[in-house]
Amino acid sequence: MYIVYFNGLLREGIGGELRLGLGWGALGKISRTEYDPKRVEDGLTSIFESGVFSPALPTVRAYLRALKFRAKGFKDLIDMLLYFTARERGLKFLTRDGELLEFLEKSGEELECVVLEEELGMLW
């Protein structure tokens, strides 16, 4: 099982089944760029209408833990929510965010679910 948050996409897989959800943070990032509306439409259509993907939803506990860590000083609530979603669901979390990893490590959090971007090739 794995969960991937990469360029705004959250992807979870169990065996051959994939689950994908578009993070709210991704929409914000896309909206601040010169994006191709047709490309975004094609991507969203393939995600939501292909029948291959289903949503990977955070648990209540993941929301609460993300809020707690936001209060401890970590600025990116979405990354924290994705990390705790992966932890709560027994999935892997892909990140390139060294600041997130450092914060989690200093907070005594387990990093077993974290996969660094350079390790991504080993998942496929």
Protein backbone atom coordinates (compact mmCIF):
# COMPACT_ATOMS: atom_id res chain seq x y z
CA MET A 1 0.00 0.00 0.00
CA TYR A 2 1.22 3.49 -0.72
CA ILE A 3 0.07 7.07 -0.76
CA VAL A 4 1.68 9.65 -2.99
CA TYR A 5 1.33 13.40 -2.82
CA PHE A 6 3.24 14.73 -5.77
CA ASN A 7 2.52 17.92 -7.69
CA GLY A 8 -0.78 18.21 -5.87
CA LEU A 9 -2.01 14.67 -6.34
CA LEU A 10 -2.74 12.26 -3.55
CA ARG A 11 -2.54 8.66 -4.73
CA GLU A 12 -3.11 5.57 -2.66
CA GLY A 13 -2.72 2.04 -3.96
CA ILE A 14 -3.58 -1.37 -2.62
CA GLY A 15 -2.41 -4.16 -4.89
CA GLY A 16 -3.49 -3.22 -8.40
CA GLU A 17 -6.20 -0.81 -7.26
CA LEU A 18 -5.34 2.88 -7.22
CA ARG A 19 -7.07 5.64 -5.33
CA LEU A 20 -6.49 9.26 -6.15
CA GLY A 21 -7.79 12.55 -4.88
CA LEU A 22 -6.83 16.07 -5.85
CA GLY A 23 -5.52 17.99 -2.87
CA TRP A 24 -6.99 21.43 -2.22
CA GLY A 25 -3.44 22.74 -2.12
CA ALA A 26 -2.96 21.63 -5.71
CA LEU A 27 -5.85 23.75 -6.91
CA GLY A 28 -4.34 26.77 -5.20
CA LYS A 29 -0.96 26.11 -6.81
CA ILE A 30 -2.50 25.59 -10.24
CA SER A 31 -4.53 28.79 -9.94
CA ARG A 32 -1.35 30.84 -9.38
CA THR A 33 0.26 29.64 -12.62
CA GLU A 34 -0.39 30.09 -16.31
CA TYR A 35 -2.10 26.72 -16.70
CA ASP A 36 -3.69 25.09 -19.72
CA PRO A 37 -7.42 24.69 -18.83
CA LYS A 38 -7.81 21.81 -21.29
CA ARG A 39 -4.91 19.94 -19.69
CA VAL A 40 -6.37 20.44 -16.21
CA GLU A 41 -9.79 19.30 -17.47
CA ASP A 42 -8.30 16.20 -19.12
CA GLY A 43 -6.39 15.33 -15.94
CA LEU A 44 -9.40 15.76 -13.67
CA THR A 45 -11.63 13.82 -16.05
CA SER A 46 -9.19 10.92 -16.16
CA ILE A 47 -8.95 10.91 -12.37
CA PHE A 48 -12.64 11.17 -11.53
CA GLU A 49 -14.28 9.38 -14.44
CA SER A 50 -11.86 6.57 -15.36
CA GLY A 51 -13.21 4.10 -12.81
CA VAL A 52 -9.61 3.30 -11.83
CA PHE A 53 -9.34 5.76 -8.96
CA SER A 54 -11.32 6.27 -5.78
CA PRO A 55 -10.79 8.92 -3.07
CA ALA A 56 -8.30 8.49 -0.26
CA LEU A 57 -9.96 10.35 2.59
CA PRO A 58 -8.34 11.55 5.83
CA THR A 59 -9.59 10.10 9.09
CA VAL A 60 -11.00 12.27 11.88
CA ARG A 61 -7.86 11.56 13.90
CA ALA A 62 -5.66 12.66 10.97
CA TYR A 63 -7.51 16.00 10.84
CA LEU A 64 -7.13 16.49 14.59
CA ARG A 65 -3.44 15.59 14.60
CA ALA A 66 -2.75 17.90 11.63
CA LEU A 67 -4.44 20.75 13.49
CA LYS A 68 -2.41 20.00 16.60
CA PHE A 69 0.84 20.11 14.63
CA ARG A 70 -0.22 23.34 12.92
CA ALA A 71 -0.64 24.81 16.39
CA LYS A 72 2.89 23.58 17.20
CA GLY A 73 4.20 25.80 14.42
CA PHE A 74 4.26 23.86 11.16
CA LYS A 75 2.81 26.16 8.48
CA ASP A 76 1.61 23.69 5.82
CA LEU A 77 -1.60 22.17 7.13
CA ILE A 78 -2.21 20.20 3.90
CA ASP A 79 1.15 18.41 4.04
CA MET A 80 0.56 17.59 7.69
CA LEU A 81 -2.93 16.25 6.90
CA LEU A 82 -1.53 14.07 4.11
CA TYR A 83 1.21 12.73 6.37
CA PHE A 84 -1.23 11.81 9.14
CA THR A 85 -3.66 10.32 6.61
CA ALA A 86 -0.88 8.03 5.43
CA ARG A 87 0.01 7.15 9.04
CA GLU A 88 -3.59 6.48 10.06
CA ARG A 89 -4.33 4.34 7.00
CA GLY A 90 -1.05 2.38 7.01
CA LEU A 91 0.05 3.87 3.70
CA LYS A 92 3.26 5.41 2.35
CA PHE A 93 3.66 9.18 1.95
CA LEU A 94 5.87 10.59 -0.80
CA THR A 95 7.44 13.98 -0.16
CA ARG A 96 10.35 16.18 -1.12
CA ASP A 97 9.71 18.56 1.79
CA GLY A 98 12.80 18.48 3.99
CA GLU A 99 11.27 21.04 6.36
CA LEU A 100 8.31 18.72 6.97
CA LEU A 101 10.58 15.76 7.66
CA GLU A 102 12.75 17.78 10.03
CA PHE A 103 9.70 19.05 11.91
CA LEU A 104 8.23 15.55 12.22
CA GLU A 105 11.55 14.11 13.35
CA LYS A 106 12.05 16.84 15.98
CA SER A 107 8.49 16.17 17.18
CA GLY A 108 9.31 12.50 17.71
CA GLU A 109 7.04 11.25 14.92
CA GLU A 110 7.69 7.96 13.19
CA LEU A 111 8.87 8.33 9.61
CA GLU A 112 8.31 4.72 8.49
CA CYS A 113 5.48 5.80 6.18
CA VAL A 114 7.61 8.48 4.48
CA VAL A 115 9.13 7.82 1.07
CA LEU A 116 11.52 10.42 -0.26
CA GLU A 117 11.06 11.52 -3.85
CA GLU A 118 14.36 9.95 -4.90
CA GLU A 119 13.06 6.57 -3.59
CA LEU A 120 9.93 6.73 -5.78
CA GLY A 121 11.32 4.41 -8.45
CA MET A 122 11.46 1.56 -5.92
CA LEU A 123 7.64 1.68 -5.50
CA TRP A 124 6.88 0.95 -9.13
